[in-house]
C-alpha cells in the first residue's frame, strides 16, 4: 500500500515514515509543505494520503485544502487528516462530498501505533476513521437541544459513538463484549430514533450519523 505523507515537523515526519514502513506500507513520498503535497498527489497517485492540517507556506489549513483539492479532482481519494486540536469545521469539510475514504485523527493518536495504523488501512479501504474526541464533541453539542438524541439509551449512545468512529458491528460487539445480534438491534433502534434510513453499508451509515449530529438547525 503506497502512502504520501505530509508533515512539516521533520522528527514527526521521520517517525511516521518509520512506523508505517514497519507495518508494511510503502512511503511513496514524505513532504513538508503544501506545494510539495499537491505535486506528490498529482504525480504519484498513492493509495492513501496522511496529511497534517497545517503546512507551509500558510501554516493555517494548507494541508486540508490540498487534500480537498485532490478529492475534488478524484472523488473518493483516500485521505487521513491529522490535527493538533478538534476542529468540527475540518471534519465537516472532509465529509461534505459523501464519498467516504476519509479520516480525522488528533495527533495524539499517532502514539497509539495500532490505532493509527488501523485508521490508515480503514481509510485506504474506503472506510471512515473519525477521532473519538470529535464524536464526543458532536454528541455533547447536540445532546442538550436534540430531542431524538436524548431518547437514546446509555448503551445506544455507546454504540452510536463507536459507529460514528467507523467501527463495524463486529468490531463494536467485540469492544462491548456482546453479540453481533445485540449490536444489530441497537443499531436499528438508533437509526429509528434519529430518523435515518437503515443501511448495511458501514461507510454510508457513518456518514449519515455524522451528518445528523453535525447539521445546523
N, C-alpha and C. Protein backbone atom coordinates (compact mmCIF):
# COMPACT_ATOMS: atom_id res chain seq x y z
N UNK A 1 0.84 -1.19 0.00
CA UNK A 1 0.00 0.00 0.00
C UNK A 1 0.89 1.25 0.00
N UNK A 2 0.71 2.11 -1.00
CA UNK A 2 1.56 3.28 -1.16
C UNK A 2 0.96 4.49 -0.47
N UNK A 3 1.79 5.19 0.30
CA UNK A 3 1.35 6.31 1.12
C UNK A 3 2.12 7.57 0.75
N UNK A 4 1.40 8.69 0.62
CA UNK A 4 2.04 10.01 0.59
C UNK A 4 1.80 10.64 1.95
N UNK A 5 2.87 11.05 2.60
CA UNK A 5 2.81 11.62 3.95
C UNK A 5 3.21 13.08 3.89
N UNK A 6 2.41 13.95 4.53
CA UNK A 6 2.72 15.38 4.57
C UNK A 6 2.72 15.85 6.02
N UNK A 7 3.89 16.25 6.51
CA UNK A 7 4.07 16.74 7.88
C UNK A 7 5.30 17.64 7.89
N UNK A 8 5.14 18.88 8.39
CA UNK A 8 6.25 19.82 8.29
C UNK A 8 7.30 19.63 9.39
N UNK A 9 6.97 18.99 10.50
CA UNK A 9 7.95 18.76 11.56
C UNK A 9 8.77 17.52 11.21
N UNK A 10 10.08 17.71 11.00
CA UNK A 10 10.91 16.63 10.49
C UNK A 10 10.89 15.41 11.40
N UNK A 11 11.03 15.61 12.72
CA UNK A 11 11.11 14.46 13.62
C UNK A 11 9.82 13.64 13.59
N UNK A 12 8.67 14.33 13.56
CA UNK A 12 7.40 13.61 13.50
C UNK A 12 7.26 12.93 12.14
N UNK A 13 7.63 13.62 11.09
CA UNK A 13 7.53 13.02 9.74
C UNK A 13 8.39 11.77 9.65
N UNK A 14 9.62 11.87 10.15
CA UNK A 14 10.52 10.72 10.11
C UNK A 14 9.98 9.57 10.95
N UNK A 15 9.40 9.91 12.11
CA UNK A 15 8.83 8.86 12.95
C UNK A 15 7.65 8.17 12.30
N UNK A 16 6.80 8.94 11.61
CA UNK A 16 5.65 8.35 10.92
C UNK A 16 6.11 7.47 9.75
N UNK A 17 7.14 7.90 9.06
CA UNK A 17 7.68 7.08 7.97
C UNK A 17 8.14 5.73 8.51
N UNK A 18 8.90 5.76 9.60
CA UNK A 18 9.42 4.52 10.18
C UNK A 18 8.28 3.63 10.69
N UNK A 19 7.27 4.25 11.31
CA UNK A 19 6.14 3.48 11.83
C UNK A 19 5.37 2.80 10.71
N UNK A 20 5.07 3.55 9.67
CA UNK A 20 4.29 2.98 8.57
C UNK A 20 5.08 1.91 7.82
N UNK A 21 6.38 2.15 7.61
CA UNK A 21 7.19 1.14 6.93
C UNK A 21 7.29 -0.14 7.76
N UNK A 22 7.32 0.02 9.08
CA UNK A 22 7.39 -1.15 9.95
C UNK A 22 6.14 -2.00 9.87
N UNK A 23 5.02 -1.39 9.42
CA UNK A 23 3.76 -2.12 9.30
C UNK A 23 3.43 -2.46 7.85
N UNK A 24 4.44 -2.44 7.00
CA UNK A 24 4.27 -2.93 5.64
C UNK A 24 3.83 -1.93 4.60
N UNK A 25 3.76 -0.64 4.95
CA UNK A 25 3.39 0.38 3.97
C UNK A 25 4.61 0.82 3.17
N UNK A 26 4.38 1.22 1.93
CA UNK A 26 5.44 1.82 1.11
C UNK A 26 5.24 3.33 1.10
N UNK A 27 6.26 4.07 1.50
CA UNK A 27 6.16 5.53 1.51
C UNK A 27 6.56 6.04 0.13
N UNK A 28 5.56 6.45 -0.64
CA UNK A 28 5.81 6.96 -1.99
C UNK A 28 6.48 8.32 -1.93
N UNK A 29 6.11 9.13 -0.92
CA UNK A 29 6.73 10.45 -0.72
C UNK A 29 6.43 10.91 0.70
N UNK A 30 7.40 11.62 1.28
CA UNK A 30 7.21 12.24 2.60
C UNK A 30 7.61 13.70 2.45
N UNK A 31 6.63 14.60 2.49
CA UNK A 31 6.87 16.01 2.16
C UNK A 31 6.53 16.90 3.35
N UNK A 32 6.96 18.18 3.24
CA UNK A 32 6.79 19.09 4.36
C UNK A 32 6.08 20.38 4.04
N UNK A 33 5.43 20.49 2.86
CA UNK A 33 4.74 21.73 2.51
C UNK A 33 3.55 21.45 1.60
N UNK A 34 2.68 22.44 1.49
CA UNK A 34 1.51 22.30 0.65
C UNK A 34 1.83 22.09 -0.82
N UNK A 35 2.70 22.92 -1.42
CA UNK A 35 3.03 22.72 -2.83
C UNK A 35 3.63 21.34 -3.12
N UNK A 36 4.48 20.86 -2.21
CA UNK A 36 5.06 19.53 -2.38
C UNK A 36 3.97 18.46 -2.32
N UNK A 37 3.00 18.65 -1.44
CA UNK A 37 1.91 17.69 -1.31
C UNK A 37 1.06 17.68 -2.59
N UNK A 38 0.74 18.86 -3.11
CA UNK A 38 -0.03 18.93 -4.36
C UNK A 38 0.67 18.13 -5.47
N UNK A 39 1.98 18.33 -5.62
CA UNK A 39 2.72 17.64 -6.67
C UNK A 39 2.74 16.14 -6.44
N UNK A 40 2.97 15.74 -5.18
CA UNK A 40 3.06 14.30 -4.88
C UNK A 40 1.74 13.59 -5.16
N UNK A 41 0.63 14.21 -4.78
CA UNK A 41 -0.67 13.59 -5.00
C UNK A 41 -0.99 13.50 -6.49
N UNK A 42 -0.63 14.55 -7.25
CA UNK A 42 -0.91 14.56 -8.68
C UNK A 42 -0.04 13.57 -9.44
N UNK A 43 1.23 13.49 -9.07
CA UNK A 43 2.18 12.68 -9.84
C UNK A 43 2.24 11.22 -9.41
N UNK A 44 2.02 10.96 -8.11
CA UNK A 44 2.25 9.60 -7.60
C UNK A 44 0.97 8.79 -7.41
N UNK A 45 -0.17 9.48 -7.30
CA UNK A 45 -1.46 8.81 -7.16
C UNK A 45 -1.40 7.67 -6.12
N UNK A 46 -1.14 8.01 -4.86
CA UNK A 46 -0.97 6.99 -3.82
C UNK A 46 -2.28 6.31 -3.45
N UNK A 47 -2.18 5.21 -2.71
CA UNK A 47 -3.38 4.52 -2.22
C UNK A 47 -4.05 5.30 -1.10
N UNK A 48 -3.26 6.08 -0.36
CA UNK A 48 -3.80 6.88 0.74
C UNK A 48 -2.83 8.01 1.03
N UNK A 49 -3.38 9.16 1.44
CA UNK A 49 -2.56 10.29 1.86
C UNK A 49 -2.78 10.53 3.35
N UNK A 50 -1.70 10.72 4.09
CA UNK A 50 -1.76 11.06 5.51
C UNK A 50 -1.23 12.49 5.62
N UNK A 51 -2.11 13.42 6.03
CA UNK A 51 -1.83 14.84 5.83
C UNK A 51 -2.04 15.64 7.12
N UNK A 52 -1.02 16.42 7.50
CA UNK A 52 -1.16 17.37 8.59
C UNK A 52 -2.02 18.54 8.10
N UNK A 53 -2.95 19.00 8.94
CA UNK A 53 -3.82 20.11 8.55
C UNK A 53 -3.00 21.36 8.24
N UNK A 54 -2.05 21.68 9.10
CA UNK A 54 -1.29 22.93 8.98
C UNK A 54 0.06 22.66 8.33
N UNK A 55 0.26 23.22 7.14
CA UNK A 55 1.51 23.06 6.40
C UNK A 55 1.99 24.41 5.88
N UNK A 56 3.30 24.55 5.65
CA UNK A 56 3.79 25.75 4.95
C UNK A 56 3.21 25.77 3.53
N UNK A 57 3.05 26.93 2.89
CA UNK A 57 3.58 28.20 3.38
C UNK A 57 2.64 28.99 4.29
N UNK A 58 1.36 28.63 4.39
CA UNK A 58 0.44 29.45 5.17
C UNK A 58 0.41 29.08 6.66
N UNK A 59 0.72 27.82 6.97
CA UNK A 59 0.64 27.32 8.36
C UNK A 59 -0.75 27.51 8.95
N UNK A 60 -1.79 27.49 8.11
CA UNK A 60 -3.17 27.57 8.60
C UNK A 60 -3.84 26.22 8.35
N UNK A 61 -4.52 26.11 7.21
CA UNK A 61 -5.14 24.83 6.85
C UNK A 61 -4.67 24.37 5.47
N UNK A 62 -3.42 24.66 5.16
CA UNK A 62 -2.87 24.35 3.84
C UNK A 62 -2.99 22.87 3.49
N UNK A 63 -2.68 22.00 4.47
CA UNK A 63 -2.75 20.57 4.21
C UNK A 63 -4.16 20.11 3.91
N UNK A 64 -5.12 20.63 4.68
CA UNK A 64 -6.52 20.28 4.45
C UNK A 64 -6.97 20.73 3.07
N UNK A 65 -6.61 21.94 2.68
CA UNK A 65 -7.02 22.45 1.38
C UNK A 65 -6.42 21.64 0.25
N UNK A 66 -5.17 21.20 0.41
CA UNK A 66 -4.56 20.32 -0.60
C UNK A 66 -5.34 19.02 -0.72
N UNK A 67 -5.72 18.46 0.44
CA UNK A 67 -6.47 17.20 0.44
C UNK A 67 -7.83 17.38 -0.22
N UNK A 68 -8.50 18.49 0.06
CA UNK A 68 -9.80 18.74 -0.54
C UNK A 68 -9.69 18.94 -2.05
N UNK A 69 -8.64 19.63 -2.49
CA UNK A 69 -8.44 19.80 -3.93
C UNK A 69 -8.23 18.44 -4.61
N UNK A 70 -7.43 17.61 -3.96
CA UNK A 70 -7.15 16.29 -4.53
C UNK A 70 -8.42 15.45 -4.62
N UNK A 71 -9.30 15.58 -3.63
CA UNK A 71 -10.55 14.81 -3.64
C UNK A 71 -11.55 15.37 -4.65
N UNK A 72 -11.47 16.66 -4.93
CA UNK A 72 -12.34 17.21 -5.98
C UNK A 72 -11.89 16.70 -7.34
N UNK A 73 -10.58 16.57 -7.52
CA UNK A 73 -10.05 16.07 -8.79
C UNK A 73 -10.32 14.58 -8.95
N UNK A 74 -10.27 13.86 -7.82
CA UNK A 74 -10.58 12.43 -7.87
C UNK A 74 -11.45 12.08 -6.67
N UNK A 75 -12.77 12.16 -6.84
CA UNK A 75 -13.68 11.88 -5.71
C UNK A 75 -13.40 10.53 -5.08
N UNK A 76 -13.40 10.52 -3.75
CA UNK A 76 -13.15 9.28 -3.03
C UNK A 76 -11.69 8.98 -2.80
N UNK A 77 -10.78 9.90 -3.20
CA UNK A 77 -9.36 9.67 -2.94
C UNK A 77 -9.16 9.54 -1.43
N UNK A 78 -8.55 8.45 -0.95
CA UNK A 78 -8.42 8.24 0.50
C UNK A 78 -7.47 9.25 1.16
N UNK A 79 -7.98 9.95 2.17
CA UNK A 79 -7.20 10.95 2.88
C UNK A 79 -7.45 10.83 4.38
N UNK A 80 -6.37 10.72 5.15
CA UNK A 80 -6.44 10.74 6.60
C UNK A 80 -5.76 12.02 7.07
N UNK A 81 -6.53 12.90 7.70
CA UNK A 81 -6.02 14.20 8.16
C UNK A 81 -5.64 14.12 9.63
N UNK A 82 -4.50 14.71 9.96
CA UNK A 82 -4.03 14.78 11.34
C UNK A 82 -4.10 16.23 11.81
N UNK A 83 -4.59 16.43 13.02
CA UNK A 83 -4.74 17.79 13.55
C UNK A 83 -4.33 17.83 15.02
N UNK A 84 -3.83 18.98 15.43
CA UNK A 84 -3.42 19.15 16.83
C UNK A 84 -4.63 19.27 17.75
N UNK A 85 -5.71 19.87 17.23
CA UNK A 85 -6.90 20.13 18.03
C UNK A 85 -8.15 19.69 17.27
N UNK A 86 -9.24 19.51 18.00
CA UNK A 86 -10.52 19.17 17.37
C UNK A 86 -11.09 20.41 16.69
N UNK A 87 -11.33 20.31 15.41
CA UNK A 87 -11.97 21.38 14.64
C UNK A 87 -13.13 20.76 13.87
N UNK A 88 -14.36 21.03 14.33
CA UNK A 88 -15.53 20.42 13.68
C UNK A 88 -15.63 20.81 12.22
N UNK A 89 -15.20 22.05 11.89
CA UNK A 89 -15.28 22.51 10.51
C UNK A 89 -14.46 21.63 9.59
N UNK A 90 -13.27 21.20 10.04
CA UNK A 90 -12.43 20.35 9.21
C UNK A 90 -13.14 19.02 8.94
N UNK A 91 -13.72 18.43 9.99
CA UNK A 91 -14.43 17.17 9.82
C UNK A 91 -15.59 17.35 8.85
N UNK A 92 -16.31 18.45 8.97
CA UNK A 92 -17.46 18.70 8.10
C UNK A 92 -17.02 18.83 6.64
N UNK A 93 -15.92 19.56 6.41
CA UNK A 93 -15.44 19.74 5.04
C UNK A 93 -15.02 18.41 4.41
N UNK A 94 -14.36 17.58 5.19
CA UNK A 94 -13.92 16.29 4.67
C UNK A 94 -15.09 15.40 4.30
N UNK A 95 -16.16 15.47 5.10
CA UNK A 95 -17.30 14.59 4.89
C UNK A 95 -18.31 15.13 3.88
N UNK A 96 -18.11 16.37 3.45
CA UNK A 96 -19.14 17.06 2.68
C UNK A 96 -19.51 16.36 1.39
N UNK A 97 -18.53 15.73 0.70
CA UNK A 97 -18.87 15.15 -0.60
C UNK A 97 -19.53 13.78 -0.47
N UNK A 98 -19.54 13.21 0.75
CA UNK A 98 -20.26 11.96 0.97
C UNK A 98 -19.66 10.74 0.33
N UNK A 99 -18.42 10.82 -0.14
CA UNK A 99 -17.84 9.69 -0.86
C UNK A 99 -17.00 8.77 0.03
N UNK A 100 -16.85 9.12 1.29
CA UNK A 100 -16.11 8.25 2.20
C UNK A 100 -14.62 8.29 1.98
N UNK A 101 -13.92 7.26 2.49
CA UNK A 101 -12.46 7.16 2.40
C UNK A 101 -11.79 8.38 3.02
N UNK A 102 -12.30 8.79 4.19
CA UNK A 102 -11.73 9.94 4.90
C UNK A 102 -11.50 9.60 6.36
N UNK A 103 -10.54 10.30 6.96
CA UNK A 103 -10.31 10.14 8.38
C UNK A 103 -9.85 11.44 8.98
N UNK A 104 -10.14 11.61 10.26
CA UNK A 104 -9.73 12.81 11.00
C UNK A 104 -9.27 12.32 12.37
N UNK A 105 -7.97 12.44 12.63
CA UNK A 105 -7.41 12.00 13.90
C UNK A 105 -6.63 13.13 14.55
N UNK A 106 -6.69 13.18 15.87
CA UNK A 106 -5.79 14.05 16.60
C UNK A 106 -4.39 13.44 16.58
N UNK A 107 -3.38 14.29 16.60
CA UNK A 107 -2.01 13.80 16.52
C UNK A 107 -1.64 12.89 17.69
N UNK A 108 -2.32 13.07 18.82
CA UNK A 108 -2.05 12.20 19.97
C UNK A 108 -2.27 10.74 19.61
N UNK A 109 -3.19 10.47 18.67
CA UNK A 109 -3.50 9.07 18.31
C UNK A 109 -2.32 8.39 17.61
N UNK A 110 -1.41 9.19 17.06
CA UNK A 110 -0.26 8.63 16.37
C UNK A 110 0.58 7.79 17.33
N UNK A 111 0.57 8.15 18.61
CA UNK A 111 1.39 7.44 19.59
C UNK A 111 0.80 6.08 19.95
N UNK A 112 -0.45 5.84 19.56
CA UNK A 112 -1.05 4.51 19.68
C UNK A 112 -0.90 3.87 18.30
N UNK A 113 0.18 3.16 18.11
CA UNK A 113 0.53 2.65 16.78
C UNK A 113 -0.58 1.80 16.17
N UNK A 114 -1.15 0.91 16.98
CA UNK A 114 -2.18 0.01 16.46
C UNK A 114 -3.40 0.80 15.97
N UNK A 115 -3.82 1.79 16.75
CA UNK A 115 -4.99 2.58 16.37
C UNK A 115 -4.71 3.41 15.13
N UNK A 116 -3.53 4.00 15.06
CA UNK A 116 -3.17 4.83 13.91
C UNK A 116 -3.09 4.00 12.64
N UNK A 117 -2.39 2.88 12.69
CA UNK A 117 -2.25 2.01 11.52
C UNK A 117 -3.61 1.48 11.07
N UNK A 118 -4.47 1.12 12.04
CA UNK A 118 -5.81 0.65 11.70
C UNK A 118 -6.59 1.74 10.97
N UNK A 119 -6.43 3.00 11.41
CA UNK A 119 -7.14 4.11 10.76
C UNK A 119 -6.64 4.31 9.34
N UNK A 120 -5.34 4.23 9.13
CA UNK A 120 -4.79 4.38 7.77
C UNK A 120 -5.33 3.30 6.85
N UNK A 121 -5.34 2.06 7.32
CA UNK A 121 -5.83 0.95 6.50
C UNK A 121 -7.32 1.08 6.22
N UNK A 122 -8.08 1.51 7.23
CA UNK A 122 -9.53 1.63 7.05
C UNK A 122 -9.86 2.69 6.01
N UNK A 123 -9.18 3.83 6.09
CA UNK A 123 -9.41 4.91 5.13
C UNK A 123 -8.99 4.47 3.73
N UNK A 124 -7.83 3.81 3.62
CA UNK A 124 -7.35 3.35 2.32
C UNK A 124 -8.33 2.38 1.67
N UNK A 125 -9.06 1.63 2.52
CA UNK A 125 -10.03 0.65 2.01
C UNK A 125 -11.38 1.29 1.69
N UNK A 126 -11.48 2.60 1.87
CA UNK A 126 -12.73 3.29 1.55
C UNK A 126 -13.62 3.57 2.73
N UNK A 127 -13.15 3.27 3.94
CA UNK A 127 -13.94 3.49 5.14
C UNK A 127 -13.73 4.87 5.74
N UNK A 128 -14.25 5.04 6.94
CA UNK A 128 -14.18 6.32 7.64
C UNK A 128 -13.57 6.10 9.02
N UNK A 129 -12.65 6.97 9.41
CA UNK A 129 -12.00 6.87 10.72
C UNK A 129 -12.03 8.24 11.38
N UNK A 130 -12.96 8.43 12.30
CA UNK A 130 -13.10 9.71 12.99
C UNK A 130 -12.60 9.60 14.42
N UNK A 131 -11.90 10.62 14.87
CA UNK A 131 -11.34 10.62 16.21
C UNK A 131 -12.46 10.59 17.26
N UNK A 132 -12.32 9.77 18.30
CA UNK A 132 -13.36 9.71 19.34
C UNK A 132 -13.67 11.07 19.95
N UNK A 133 -12.67 11.95 20.07
CA UNK A 133 -12.94 13.27 20.67
C UNK A 133 -13.82 14.13 19.78
N UNK A 134 -13.70 13.96 18.47
CA UNK A 134 -14.58 14.68 17.55
C UNK A 134 -16.02 14.22 17.76
N UNK A 135 -16.19 12.91 17.84
CA UNK A 135 -17.53 12.35 18.04
C UNK A 135 -18.10 12.80 19.37
N UNK A 136 -17.29 12.79 20.42
CA UNK A 136 -17.77 13.22 21.74
C UNK A 136 -18.23 14.67 21.71
N UNK A 137 -17.49 15.52 21.00
CA UNK A 137 -17.88 16.93 20.92
C UNK A 137 -19.18 17.10 20.15
N UNK A 138 -19.34 16.32 19.07
CA UNK A 138 -20.57 16.41 18.31
C UNK A 138 -21.76 15.94 19.14
N UNK A 139 -21.56 14.86 19.88
CA UNK A 139 -22.63 14.36 20.75
C UNK A 139 -22.97 15.38 21.83
N UNK A 140 -21.94 15.95 22.46
CA UNK A 140 -22.18 16.92 23.53
C UNK A 140 -22.85 18.17 22.99
N UNK A 141 -22.46 18.58 21.78
CA UNK A 141 -23.01 19.79 21.17
C UNK A 141 -24.51 19.67 20.93
N UNK A 142 -24.95 18.46 20.64
CA UNK A 142 -26.35 18.30 20.28
C UNK A 142 -27.23 17.72 21.40
N UNK A 143 -26.60 17.17 22.44
CA UNK A 143 -27.38 16.42 23.43
C UNK A 143 -28.39 17.28 24.17
N UNK A 144 -28.07 18.56 24.38
CA UNK A 144 -28.96 19.41 25.14
C UNK A 144 -30.13 19.95 24.32
N UNK A 145 -30.03 19.88 22.98
CA UNK A 145 -31.06 20.51 22.17
C UNK A 145 -31.72 19.57 21.18
N UNK A 146 -31.20 18.35 21.09
CA UNK A 146 -31.72 17.41 20.11
C UNK A 146 -32.56 16.35 20.80
N UNK A 147 -33.86 16.46 20.71
CA UNK A 147 -34.75 15.53 21.41
C UNK A 147 -34.58 14.08 20.96
N UNK A 148 -34.45 13.80 19.64
CA UNK A 148 -34.23 12.40 19.25
C UNK A 148 -32.98 11.80 19.89
N UNK A 149 -31.89 12.57 19.94
CA UNK A 149 -30.66 12.07 20.54
C UNK A 149 -30.85 11.79 22.02
N UNK A 150 -31.65 12.61 22.69
CA UNK A 150 -31.87 12.42 24.12
C UNK A 150 -32.69 11.17 24.41
N UNK A 151 -33.34 10.60 23.38
CA UNK A 151 -34.14 9.39 23.58
C UNK A 151 -33.28 8.13 23.56
N UNK A 152 -32.01 8.26 23.15
CA UNK A 152 -31.14 7.09 23.11
C UNK A 152 -30.77 6.64 24.51
N UNK A 153 -30.70 5.33 24.70
CA UNK A 153 -30.27 4.78 25.98
C UNK A 153 -28.76 4.93 26.12
N UNK A 154 -28.21 4.81 27.35
CA UNK A 154 -26.75 4.87 27.52
C UNK A 154 -26.00 3.88 26.63
N UNK A 155 -26.52 2.67 26.49
CA UNK A 155 -25.87 1.67 25.64
C UNK A 155 -25.94 2.09 24.17
N UNK A 156 -27.09 2.63 23.74
CA UNK A 156 -27.21 3.09 22.36
C UNK A 156 -26.26 4.24 22.07
N UNK A 157 -26.04 5.11 23.05
CA UNK A 157 -25.08 6.19 22.87
C UNK A 157 -23.66 5.64 22.71
N UNK A 158 -23.33 4.60 23.46
CA UNK A 158 -22.03 3.95 23.31
C UNK A 158 -21.87 3.39 21.90
N UNK A 159 -22.90 2.70 21.44
CA UNK A 159 -22.86 2.11 20.10
C UNK A 159 -22.77 3.20 19.05
N UNK A 160 -23.52 4.29 19.23
CA UNK A 160 -23.50 5.40 18.28
C UNK A 160 -22.10 6.01 18.17
N UNK A 161 -21.44 6.19 19.30
CA UNK A 161 -20.11 6.78 19.28
C UNK A 161 -19.13 5.89 18.52
N UNK A 162 -19.19 4.58 18.77
CA UNK A 162 -18.30 3.65 18.08
C UNK A 162 -18.65 3.55 16.59
N UNK A 163 -19.94 3.59 16.29
CA UNK A 163 -20.39 3.55 14.90
C UNK A 163 -19.86 4.76 14.14
N UNK A 164 -19.95 5.94 14.77
CA UNK A 164 -19.52 7.16 14.12
C UNK A 164 -18.01 7.23 13.94
N UNK A 165 -17.27 6.43 14.71
CA UNK A 165 -15.82 6.34 14.51
C UNK A 165 -15.47 5.50 13.29
N UNK A 166 -16.44 4.77 12.77
CA UNK A 166 -16.21 3.94 11.60
C UNK A 166 -16.14 2.46 11.91
N UNK A 167 -16.54 2.07 13.12
CA UNK A 167 -16.46 0.66 13.52
C UNK A 167 -17.61 -0.15 12.92
N UNK A 168 -17.31 -1.36 12.53
CA UNK A 168 -18.34 -2.28 12.04
C UNK A 168 -19.09 -2.88 13.22
N UNK A 169 -20.22 -3.53 12.96
CA UNK A 169 -20.95 -4.20 14.03
C UNK A 169 -20.09 -5.25 14.73
N UNK A 170 -19.27 -5.95 13.94
CA UNK A 170 -18.40 -6.97 14.53
C UNK A 170 -17.41 -6.35 15.51
N UNK A 171 -16.79 -5.23 15.10
CA UNK A 171 -15.82 -4.56 15.97
C UNK A 171 -16.49 -3.98 17.22
N UNK A 172 -17.68 -3.42 17.04
CA UNK A 172 -18.40 -2.85 18.19
C UNK A 172 -18.76 -3.95 19.18
N UNK A 173 -19.24 -5.08 18.66
CA UNK A 173 -19.62 -6.20 19.53
C UNK A 173 -18.42 -6.70 20.32
N UNK A 174 -17.26 -6.77 19.66
CA UNK A 174 -16.06 -7.24 20.35
C UNK A 174 -15.64 -6.28 21.45
N UNK A 175 -15.74 -4.98 21.18
CA UNK A 175 -15.31 -3.98 22.17
C UNK A 175 -16.25 -3.94 23.36
N UNK A 176 -17.55 -4.09 23.11
CA UNK A 176 -18.53 -4.02 24.19
C UNK A 176 -18.82 -5.39 24.81
N UNK A 177 -18.19 -6.42 24.26
CA UNK A 177 -18.33 -7.80 24.75
C UNK A 177 -19.79 -8.23 24.76
N UNK A 178 -20.43 -8.08 23.60
CA UNK A 178 -21.81 -8.54 23.42
C UNK A 178 -21.87 -9.23 22.05
N UNK A 179 -23.03 -9.76 21.70
CA UNK A 179 -23.18 -10.44 20.41
C UNK A 179 -23.43 -9.44 19.30
N UNK A 180 -23.11 -9.86 18.08
CA UNK A 180 -23.39 -9.01 16.92
C UNK A 180 -24.90 -8.79 16.76
N UNK A 181 -25.67 -9.80 17.16
CA UNK A 181 -27.12 -9.65 17.07
C UNK A 181 -27.61 -8.52 17.97
N UNK A 182 -27.01 -8.41 19.15
CA UNK A 182 -27.39 -7.33 20.07
C UNK A 182 -27.03 -5.97 19.47
N UNK A 183 -25.85 -5.89 18.84
CA UNK A 183 -25.44 -4.62 18.23
C UNK A 183 -26.35 -4.27 17.06
N UNK A 184 -26.74 -5.27 16.27
CA UNK A 184 -27.65 -5.02 15.15
C UNK A 184 -28.97 -4.44 15.66
N UNK A 185 -29.44 -4.95 16.79
CA UNK A 185 -30.69 -4.43 17.36
C UNK A 185 -30.51 -2.99 17.83
N UNK A 186 -29.39 -2.72 18.53
CA UNK A 186 -29.11 -1.35 18.97
C UNK A 186 -29.01 -0.41 17.78
N UNK A 187 -28.33 -0.85 16.73
CA UNK A 187 -28.16 -0.02 15.54
C UNK A 187 -29.50 0.31 14.90
N UNK A 188 -30.37 -0.68 14.81
CA UNK A 188 -31.70 -0.46 14.25
C UNK A 188 -32.48 0.55 15.08
N UNK A 189 -32.38 0.44 16.40
CA UNK A 189 -33.07 1.39 17.29
C UNK A 189 -32.52 2.80 17.12
N UNK A 190 -31.20 2.91 16.98
CA UNK A 190 -30.57 4.23 16.82
C UNK A 190 -31.06 4.89 15.55
N UNK A 191 -31.04 4.17 14.44
CA UNK A 191 -31.49 4.74 13.17
C UNK A 191 -32.95 5.16 13.26
N UNK A 192 -33.76 4.34 13.90
CA UNK A 192 -35.19 4.67 14.02
C UNK A 192 -35.38 5.95 14.83
N UNK A 193 -34.67 6.06 15.96
CA UNK A 193 -34.83 7.23 16.83
C UNK A 193 -34.27 8.50 16.21
N UNK A 194 -33.24 8.37 15.36
CA UNK A 194 -32.65 9.53 14.72
C UNK A 194 -33.30 9.85 13.37
N UNK A 195 -34.23 8.99 12.94
CA UNK A 195 -34.90 9.24 11.68
C UNK A 195 -34.02 9.03 10.47
N UNK A 196 -33.09 8.07 10.55
CA UNK A 196 -32.16 7.79 9.46
C UNK A 196 -32.51 6.48 8.79
N UNK A 197 -32.26 6.41 7.49
CA UNK A 197 -32.53 5.19 6.75
C UNK A 197 -31.55 4.09 7.16
N UNK A 198 -32.05 2.90 7.43
CA UNK A 198 -31.20 1.78 7.80
C UNK A 198 -30.34 1.38 6.61
N UNK A 199 -29.05 1.09 6.89
CA UNK A 199 -28.14 0.70 5.82
C UNK A 199 -27.15 -0.33 6.34
N UNK A 200 -26.84 -1.32 5.51
CA UNK A 200 -25.83 -2.32 5.84
C UNK A 200 -24.43 -1.86 5.44
N UNK A 201 -24.35 -0.73 4.71
CA UNK A 201 -23.07 -0.19 4.28
C UNK A 201 -22.44 0.60 5.42
N UNK A 202 -21.31 0.11 5.96
CA UNK A 202 -20.69 0.76 7.11
C UNK A 202 -20.35 2.21 6.85
N UNK A 203 -19.79 2.50 5.67
CA UNK A 203 -19.39 3.86 5.36
C UNK A 203 -20.60 4.78 5.26
N UNK A 204 -21.66 4.31 4.62
CA UNK A 204 -22.86 5.13 4.46
C UNK A 204 -23.50 5.45 5.80
N UNK A 205 -23.52 4.47 6.69
CA UNK A 205 -24.17 4.72 7.99
C UNK A 205 -23.33 5.69 8.83
N UNK A 206 -22.00 5.62 8.71
CA UNK A 206 -21.15 6.56 9.43
C UNK A 206 -21.41 7.98 8.94
N UNK A 207 -21.44 8.16 7.62
CA UNK A 207 -21.68 9.48 7.06
C UNK A 207 -23.06 10.00 7.45
N UNK A 208 -24.05 9.12 7.47
CA UNK A 208 -25.40 9.54 7.84
C UNK A 208 -25.45 10.00 9.29
N UNK A 209 -24.80 9.24 10.17
CA UNK A 209 -24.80 9.59 11.59
C UNK A 209 -24.10 10.93 11.80
N UNK A 210 -22.91 11.08 11.18
CA UNK A 210 -22.17 12.31 11.37
C UNK A 210 -22.90 13.51 10.78
N UNK A 211 -23.53 13.34 9.65
CA UNK A 211 -24.30 14.42 9.05
C UNK A 211 -25.43 14.85 9.97
N UNK A 212 -26.08 13.86 10.61
CA UNK A 212 -27.18 14.19 11.51
C UNK A 212 -26.67 14.93 12.73
N UNK A 213 -25.56 14.44 13.31
CA UNK A 213 -25.05 15.03 14.54
C UNK A 213 -24.52 16.43 14.33
N UNK A 214 -23.98 16.72 13.14
CA UNK A 214 -23.31 18.00 12.94
C UNK A 214 -24.11 18.99 12.12
N UNK A 215 -25.35 18.67 11.78
CA UNK A 215 -26.12 19.61 10.97
C UNK A 215 -26.58 20.76 11.84
N UNK A 216 -26.78 21.92 11.20
CA UNK A 216 -27.26 23.11 11.90
C UNK A 216 -28.77 23.14 11.88
N UNK A 217 -29.33 23.69 12.93
CA UNK A 217 -30.79 23.84 12.99
C UNK A 217 -31.20 25.07 12.19
